[in-house]
Every structure is written in structure tokens, then in C-alpha cells.
C-alpha atoms as a PDB file:
ATOM      1  CA  UNK A   1     -10.641  -4.769  -5.708  1.00  0.00           C
ATOM      2  CA  UNK A   2      -7.304  -2.949  -5.715  1.00  0.00           C
ATOM      3  CA  UNK A   3      -3.790  -3.923  -6.678  1.00  0.00           C
ATOM      4  CA  UNK A   4      -1.090  -1.768  -5.064  1.00  0.00           C
ATOM      5  CA  UNK A   5       2.163  -1.367  -6.998  1.00  0.00           C
ATOM      6  CA  UNK A   6       5.027   1.045  -7.484  1.00  0.00           C
ATOM      7  CA  UNK A   7       3.969   3.481 -10.218  1.00  0.00           C
ATOM      8  CA  UNK A   8       6.209   6.426  -9.353  1.00  0.00           C
ATOM      9  CA  UNK A   9       7.613   8.125  -6.262  1.00  0.00           C
ATOM     10  CA  UNK A  10       5.067  10.959  -6.285  1.00  0.00           C
ATOM     11  CA  UNK A  11       2.184  12.383  -8.322  1.00  0.00           C
ATOM     12  CA  UNK A  12       4.466  14.053 -10.913  1.00  0.00           C
ATOM     13  CA  UNK A  13       6.440  10.874 -11.555  1.00  0.00           C
ATOM     14  CA  UNK A  14       3.214   8.844 -11.515  1.00  0.00           C
ATOM     15  CA  UNK A  15       1.742  11.026 -14.270  1.00  0.00           C
ATOM     16  CA  UNK A  16       4.900  10.612 -16.381  1.00  0.00           C
ATOM     17  CA  UNK A  17       5.640   6.902 -15.905  1.00  0.00           C
ATOM     18  CA  UNK A  18       2.558   4.976 -14.727  1.00  0.00           C
ATOM     19  CA  UNK A  19       1.205   4.222 -18.215  1.00  0.00           C
ATOM     20  CA  UNK A  20       4.601   2.853 -19.292  1.00  0.00           C
ATOM     21  CA  UNK A  21       5.004   0.741 -16.120  1.00  0.00           C
ATOM     22  CA  UNK A  22       1.489  -0.685 -16.443  1.00  0.00           C
ATOM     23  CA  UNK A  23       1.935  -1.353 -20.173  1.00  0.00           C
ATOM     24  CA  UNK A  24       5.209  -3.171 -19.541  1.00  0.00           C
ATOM     25  CA  UNK A  25       3.696  -5.255 -16.707  1.00  0.00           C
ATOM     26  CA  UNK A  26       0.773  -6.302 -18.909  1.00  0.00           C
ATOM     27  CA  UNK A  27       2.908  -7.096 -21.981  1.00  0.00           C
ATOM     28  CA  UNK A  28       5.311  -9.192 -19.872  1.00  0.00           C
ATOM     29  CA  UNK A  29       2.415 -11.063 -18.238  1.00  0.00           C
ATOM     30  CA  UNK A  30       3.395  -9.738 -14.829  1.00  0.00           C
ATOM     31  CA  UNK A  31       0.009  -8.280 -13.958  1.00  0.00           C
ATOM     32  CA  UNK A  32      -2.124 -11.184 -12.829  1.00  0.00           C
ATOM     33  CA  UNK A  33      -5.612 -11.340 -11.374  1.00  0.00           C
ATOM     34  CA  UNK A  34      -5.472 -11.719  -7.586  1.00  0.00           C
ATOM     35  CA  UNK A  35      -8.393 -14.157  -7.753  1.00  0.00           C
ATOM     36  CA  UNK A  36      -7.477 -16.580 -10.564  1.00  0.00           C
ATOM     37  CA  UNK A  37      -3.841 -15.666 -11.439  1.00  0.00           C
ATOM     38  CA  UNK A  38      -4.670 -15.069 -15.098  1.00  0.00           C
ATOM     39  CA  UNK A  39      -3.230 -12.130 -17.102  1.00  0.00           C
ATOM     40  CA  UNK A  40      -5.305  -8.950 -17.164  1.00  0.00           C
ATOM     41  CA  UNK A  41      -5.862  -6.162 -19.683  1.00  0.00           C
ATOM     42  CA  UNK A  42      -6.357  -2.413 -19.315  1.00  0.00           C
ATOM     43  CA  UNK A  43     -10.055  -1.650 -19.238  1.00  0.00           C
ATOM     44  CA  UNK A  44     -10.707   1.951 -18.229  1.00  0.00           C
ATOM     45  CA  UNK A  45      -9.750   4.629 -15.725  1.00  0.00           C
ATOM     46  CA  UNK A  46     -11.229   7.006 -13.191  1.00  0.00           C
ATOM     47  CA  UNK A  47     -10.053  10.182 -11.484  1.00  0.00           C
ATOM     48  CA  UNK A  48      -9.244  10.115  -7.783  1.00  0.00           C
ATOM     49  CA  UNK A  49      -8.610  13.122  -5.575  1.00  0.00           C
ATOM     50  CA  UNK A  50      -5.934  13.491  -2.922  1.00  0.00           C
ATOM     51  CA  UNK A  51      -7.514  15.526  -0.168  1.00  0.00           C
ATOM     52  CA  UNK A  52      -4.530  17.229   1.500  1.00  0.00           C
ATOM     53  CA  UNK A  53      -3.063  18.498  -1.785  1.00  0.00           C
ATOM     54  CA  UNK A  54      -6.264  19.001  -3.739  1.00  0.00           C
ATOM     55  CA  UNK A  55      -4.579  17.117  -6.590  1.00  0.00           C
ATOM     56  CA  UNK A  56      -6.294  14.598  -8.832  1.00  0.00           C
ATOM     57  CA  UNK A  57      -4.780  11.590 -10.593  1.00  0.00           C
ATOM     58  CA  UNK A  58      -6.039   9.095 -13.133  1.00  0.00           C
ATOM     59  CA  UNK A  59      -6.279   5.549 -11.749  1.00  0.00           C
ATOM     60  CA  UNK A  60      -6.089   2.736 -14.312  1.00  0.00           C
ATOM     61  CA  UNK A  61      -8.594  -0.120 -14.114  1.00  0.00           C
ATOM     62  CA  UNK A  62      -7.685  -3.573 -15.405  1.00  0.00           C
ATOM     63  CA  UNK A  63     -10.047  -6.389 -16.322  1.00  0.00           C
ATOM     64  CA  UNK A  64      -9.822 -10.137 -15.815  1.00  0.00           C
ATOM     65  CA  UNK A  65     -11.754 -11.849 -18.591  1.00  0.00           C
ATOM     66  CA  UNK A  66     -11.871 -15.156 -16.691  1.00  0.00           C
ATOM     67  CA  UNK A  67     -13.233 -13.856 -13.361  1.00  0.00           C
ATOM     68  CA  UNK A  68     -15.020 -10.956 -15.021  1.00  0.00           C
ATOM     69  CA  UNK A  69     -13.698  -8.628 -12.288  1.00  0.00           C
ATOM     70  CA  UNK A  70     -12.168  -5.161 -12.395  1.00  0.00           C
ATOM     71  CA  UNK A  71      -9.124  -4.192 -10.362  1.00  0.00           C
ATOM     72  CA  UNK A  72      -7.877  -0.648  -9.690  1.00  0.00           C
ATOM     73  CA  UNK A  73      -4.106  -0.233 -10.002  1.00  0.00           C
ATOM     74  CA  UNK A  74      -3.186   2.039  -7.099  1.00  0.00           C
ATOM     75  CA  UNK A  75       0.201   3.670  -6.671  1.00  0.00           C
ATOM     76  CA  UNK A  76       1.812   2.712  -3.382  1.00  0.00           C
ATOM     77  CA  UNK A  77       1.702   6.312  -2.143  1.00  0.00           C
ATOM     78  CA  UNK A  78      -2.104   6.003  -1.855  1.00  0.00           C
ATOM     79  CA  UNK A  79      -4.034   3.727   0.478  1.00  0.00           C
ATOM     80  CA  UNK A  80      -7.128   1.864  -0.701  1.00  0.00           C
ATOM     81  CA  UNK A  81     -10.388   3.569   0.301  1.00  0.00           C
ATOM     82  CA  UNK A  82      -8.680   6.649   1.801  1.00  0.00           C
ATOM     83  CA  UNK A  83      -9.028  10.259   0.619  1.00  0.00           C
ATOM     84  CA  UNK A  84      -5.695  11.357   2.080  1.00  0.00           C
ATOM     85  CA  UNK A  85      -2.400  10.052   0.728  1.00  0.00           C
ATOM     86  CA  UNK A  86      -0.541   7.218   2.403  1.00  0.00           C
ATOM     87  CA  UNK A  87       2.302   9.661   3.058  1.00  0.00           C
ATOM     88  CA  UNK A  88       0.011  11.925   5.098  1.00  0.00           C
ATOM     89  CA  UNK A  89      -1.478   9.020   7.046  1.00  0.00           C
ATOM     90  CA  UNK A  90       1.963   7.525   7.660  1.00  0.00           C
ATOM     91  CA  UNK A  91       3.345  10.825   8.997  1.00  0.00           C
ATOM     92  CA  UNK A  92       0.351  11.120  11.359  1.00  0.00           C
ATOM     93  CA  UNK A  93       0.928   7.572  12.661  1.00  0.00           C
ATOM     94  CA  UNK A  94       4.640   8.250  13.199  1.00  0.00           C
ATOM     95  CA  UNK A  95       3.966  11.583  14.906  1.00  0.00           C
ATOM     96  CA  UNK A  96       1.379   9.937  17.194  1.00  0.00           C
ATOM     97  CA  UNK A  97       4.223   8.083  18.921  1.00  0.00           C
ATOM     98  CA  UNK A  98       5.458  11.293  20.521  1.00  0.00           C
ATOM     99  CA  UNK A  99       2.630  13.836  20.297  1.00  0.00           C
ATOM    100  CA  UNK A 100      -0.975  13.910  21.484  1.00  0.00           C
ATOM    101  CA  UNK A 101      -3.592  13.811  18.725  1.00  0.00           C
ATOM    102  CA  UNK A 102      -4.469  17.491  19.191  1.00  0.00           C
ATOM    103  CA  UNK A 103      -0.854  18.504  18.422  1.00  0.00           C
ATOM    104  CA  UNK A 104      -0.278  16.409  15.288  1.00  0.00           C
ATOM    105  CA  UNK A 105       0.479  18.583  12.252  1.00  0.00           C
ATOM    106  CA  UNK A 106      -2.061  17.625   9.582  1.00  0.00           C
ATOM    107  CA  UNK A 107      -4.898  19.085   7.540  1.00  0.00           C
ATOM    108  CA  UNK A 108      -7.143  16.216   8.686  1.00  0.00           C
ATOM    109  CA  UNK A 109      -9.592  16.789  11.520  1.00  0.00           C
ATOM    110  CA  UNK A 110      -8.878  15.450  14.982  1.00  0.00           C
ATOM    111  CA  UNK A 111     -11.674  12.865  14.632  1.00  0.00           C
ATOM    112  CA  UNK A 112     -10.160  11.675  11.336  1.00  0.00           C
ATOM    113  CA  UNK A 113      -6.745  11.328  12.992  1.00  0.00           C
ATOM    114  CA  UNK A 114      -8.263   9.320  15.857  1.00  0.00           C
ATOM    115  CA  UNK A 115     -10.019   7.049  13.340  1.00  0.00           C
ATOM    116  CA  UNK A 116      -6.760   6.520  11.418  1.00  0.00           C
ATOM    117  CA  UNK A 117      -4.875   5.619  14.577  1.00  0.00           C
ATOM    118  CA  UNK A 118      -7.481   3.057  15.569  1.00  0.00           C
ATOM    119  CA  UNK A 119      -8.298   1.656  12.119  1.00  0.00           C
ATOM    120  CA  UNK A 120      -4.885   1.806  10.438  1.00  0.00           C
ATOM    121  CA  UNK A 121      -3.138   0.758  13.650  1.00  0.00           C
ATOM    122  CA  UNK A 122      -5.250  -2.418  13.721  1.00  0.00           C
ATOM    123  CA  UNK A 123      -4.562  -3.078  10.043  1.00  0.00           C
ATOM    124  CA  UNK A 124      -0.824  -2.609  10.610  1.00  0.00           C
ATOM    125  CA  UNK A 125      -0.867  -5.214  13.395  1.00  0.00           C
ATOM    126  CA  UNK A 126      -2.688  -7.654  11.073  1.00  0.00           C
ATOM    127  CA  UNK A 127      -0.237  -6.889   8.249  1.00  0.00           C
ATOM    128  CA  UNK A 128       2.745  -7.558  10.524  1.00  0.00           C
ATOM    129  CA  UNK A 129       1.343 -10.995  11.364  1.00  0.00           C
ATOM    130  CA  UNK A 130       0.550 -11.838   7.730  1.00  0.00           C
ATOM    131  CA  UNK A 131       3.944 -10.693   6.482  1.00  0.00           C
ATOM    132  CA  UNK A 132       5.814 -12.651   9.184  1.00  0.00           C
ATOM    133  CA  UNK A 133       3.863 -15.743   8.166  1.00  0.00           C
ATOM    134  CA  UNK A 134       4.421 -15.284   4.420  1.00  0.00           C
ATOM    135  CA  UNK A 135       8.099 -14.394   4.738  1.00  0.00           C
ATOM    136  CA  UNK A 136       8.542 -17.480   6.942  1.00  0.00           C
ATOM    137  CA  UNK A 137       6.819 -19.702   4.371  1.00  0.00           C
ATOM    138  CA  UNK A 138       9.292 -18.467   1.782  1.00  0.00           C
ATOM    139  CA  UNK A 139      12.196 -19.849   3.819  1.00  0.00           C
ATOM    140  CA  UNK A 140      12.926 -16.394   5.167  1.00  0.00           C
ATOM    141  CA  UNK A 141      12.088 -16.907   8.834  1.00  0.00           C
ATOM    142  CA  UNK A 142      11.323 -13.776  10.776  1.00  0.00           C
ATOM    143  CA  UNK A 143      13.011 -13.897  14.165  1.00  0.00           C
ATOM    144  CA  UNK A 144      10.670 -12.669  16.877  1.00  0.00           C
ATOM    145  CA  UNK A 145      13.724 -11.862  18.989  1.00  0.00           C
ATOM    146  CA  UNK A 146      14.980  -9.503  16.283  1.00  0.00           C
ATOM    147  CA  UNK A 147      11.791  -7.427  16.368  1.00  0.00           C
ATOM    148  CA  UNK A 148      11.510  -4.787  19.073  1.00  0.00           C
ATOM    149  CA  UNK A 149       7.876  -4.856  20.125  1.00  0.00           C
ATOM    150  CA  UNK A 150       6.457  -1.409  20.564  1.00  0.00           C
ATOM    151  CA  UNK A 151       4.623   1.016  18.358  1.00  0.00           C
ATOM    152  CA  UNK A 152       2.839  -0.825  15.533  1.00  0.00           C
ATOM    153  CA  UNK A 153       4.562   1.228  12.816  1.00  0.00           C
ATOM    154  CA  UNK A 154       8.017   0.423  14.208  1.00  0.00           C
ATOM    155  CA  UNK A 155       7.198  -3.286  14.060  1.00  0.00           C
ATOM    156  CA  UNK A 156       5.976  -2.919  10.469  1.00  0.00           C
ATOM    157  CA  UNK A 157       9.232  -1.197   9.464  1.00  0.00           C
ATOM    158  CA  UNK A 158      11.266  -4.002  11.015  1.00  0.00           C
ATOM    159  CA  UNK A 159       9.241  -6.751   9.307  1.00  0.00           C
ATOM    160  CA  UNK A 160       9.315  -5.221   5.797  1.00  0.00           C
ATOM    161  CA  UNK A 161      13.092  -4.841   6.214  1.00  0.00           C
ATOM    162  CA  UNK A 162      13.208  -8.666   6.516  1.00  0.00           C
ATOM    163  CA  UNK A 163      11.527  -9.203   3.130  1.00  0.00           C
ATOM    164  CA  UNK A 164      13.072 -11.947   0.970  1.00  0.00           C
ATOM    165  CA  UNK A 165      14.180  -9.409  -1.659  1.00  0.00           C
ATOM    166  CA  UNK A 166      14.059  -5.663  -2.204  1.00  0.00           C
ATOM    167  CA  UNK A 167      10.961  -4.188  -3.783  1.00  0.00           C
ATOM    168  CA  UNK A 168      10.813  -0.828  -5.504  1.00  0.00           C
ATOM    169  CA  UNK A 169       8.542   1.568  -3.624  1.00  0.00           C
ATOM    170  CA  UNK A 170       7.877   5.277  -3.186  1.00  0.00           C
ATOM    171  CA  UNK A 171       9.419   5.569   0.272  1.00  0.00           C
ATOM    172  CA  UNK A 172       6.120   5.113   2.087  1.00  0.00           C
ATOM    173  CA  UNK A 173       6.354   2.037   4.381  1.00  0.00           C
ATOM    174  CA  UNK A 174       2.565   1.561   4.391  1.00  0.00           C
ATOM    175  CA  UNK A 175       2.698   1.375   0.597  1.00  0.00           C
ATOM    176  CA  UNK A 176       5.626  -1.066   0.711  1.00  0.00           C
ATOM    177  CA  UNK A 177       3.693  -3.265   3.133  1.00  0.00           C
ATOM    178  CA  UNK A 178       0.704  -3.152   0.762  1.00  0.00           C
ATOM    179  CA  UNK A 179       2.913  -4.181  -2.158  1.00  0.00           C
ATOM    180  CA  UNK A 180       4.191  -7.151  -0.124  1.00  0.00           C
ATOM    181  CA  UNK A 181       0.684  -8.085   1.059  1.00  0.00           C
ATOM    182  CA  UNK A 182      -0.449  -8.204  -2.572  1.00  0.00           C
ATOM    183  CA  UNK A 183       2.645 -10.176  -3.609  1.00  0.00           C
ATOM    184  CA  UNK A 184       1.975 -12.690  -0.827  1.00  0.00           C
ATOM    185  CA  UNK A 185      -1.645 -13.092  -1.912  1.00  0.00           C
ATOM    186  CA  UNK A 186      -3.138 -11.564   1.221  1.00  0.00           C
ATOM    187  CA  UNK A 187      -6.678 -10.423   0.526  1.00  0.00           C
ATOM    188  CA  UNK A 188      -6.487  -7.248   2.649  1.00  0.00           C
ATOM    189  CA  UNK A 189      -4.432  -4.090   2.541  1.00  0.00           C
ATOM    190  CA  UNK A 190      -3.564  -1.547   5.214  1.00  0.00           C
END
């Protein structure tokens, strides 16, 4: 299971500050298990590649002693279970609004881009619904009239702008949505 959080704006900042941010979150009791809401401890790490840059980063794993489950702490500029960065996937989704798939500027293959548009597009629509519900439960009603229906990414941008308070994030709206989904207790990420 993954926990998405702000751990730096990019890979360089992540490498410099992630250990400090994670250490502070654990010492303050702010890093809780998504399953039982108990505090967690750092357990181990693994290396994860970022396909379009060829870069590799160390991902920290935390452990819940109560549930006996591990959770990967992902920076918000990555998407769970994706080899490309969230920034790359987000730019492809945005570009797909105005350009055919064959003309989108990316290192990913055309079949990968088509899969992203179908898979991530569906996840974005689900995330929009979950976030509207959770923001509404928190006495921050989301006005349907205020949201211009259209491209799924545009709707996501409008909904995360209606969040009850500002959250620190890397600039990637998919990552911000994932942070909010985790904060709201939603079991799925984009």
C-alpha cells in the first residue's frame, strides 16, 4: 500500500529533504497507518526508477506494528504503480485535450499514452467524485454549478481548488489529488 505526500518539488529536492520531512512526520505522530490510524515507524527502503529521465530514487517504507503492514511513502510527483513520473503523465493528459495521441510530445509509446488516457482518465473521474463527497462532508460543499464539466483533468483542477485548506504539493495536480484522497481516507489513488 502507498501513502502519497509532499516530499519535495522534484527529485533533487526530494533527495535533500525527504528524510527530514519523513522523520518530522513520524516524530510528531503525523504519519498514521491508513488501515488502523496508528503511528508508524520507518522500516526499510527500495530504489525506484523514473522511466523518462532514467533517474532512480530511494523510496522509504514504513511499518505499522498493529496491522503488520508496510506502506511505501511516495512523493506526490510520482504515481503509484507507474514507471513514468506523474508530471509526464499529467502533461500527456493535458496535451490530449488539443492534440491527437500520435502528436503528443512524450517518450512513452503511443499504446502507453492510449492506456494512460483510458486508465488515468477513469481514475480522475472517480477521484473527482470522491473529493466532492469528502469536501462536502467537511462542511465545504462543492457547487456543481461552479464546475465547468468538460475534460476530466479540468474538472479535477477545479475540485482540488475547492479543498478546505491549502496543501503543500509539487505543482502536479494529480499528486495533489492523491494527497487529498489519502487525507480523506479514500482507498484508491489516481
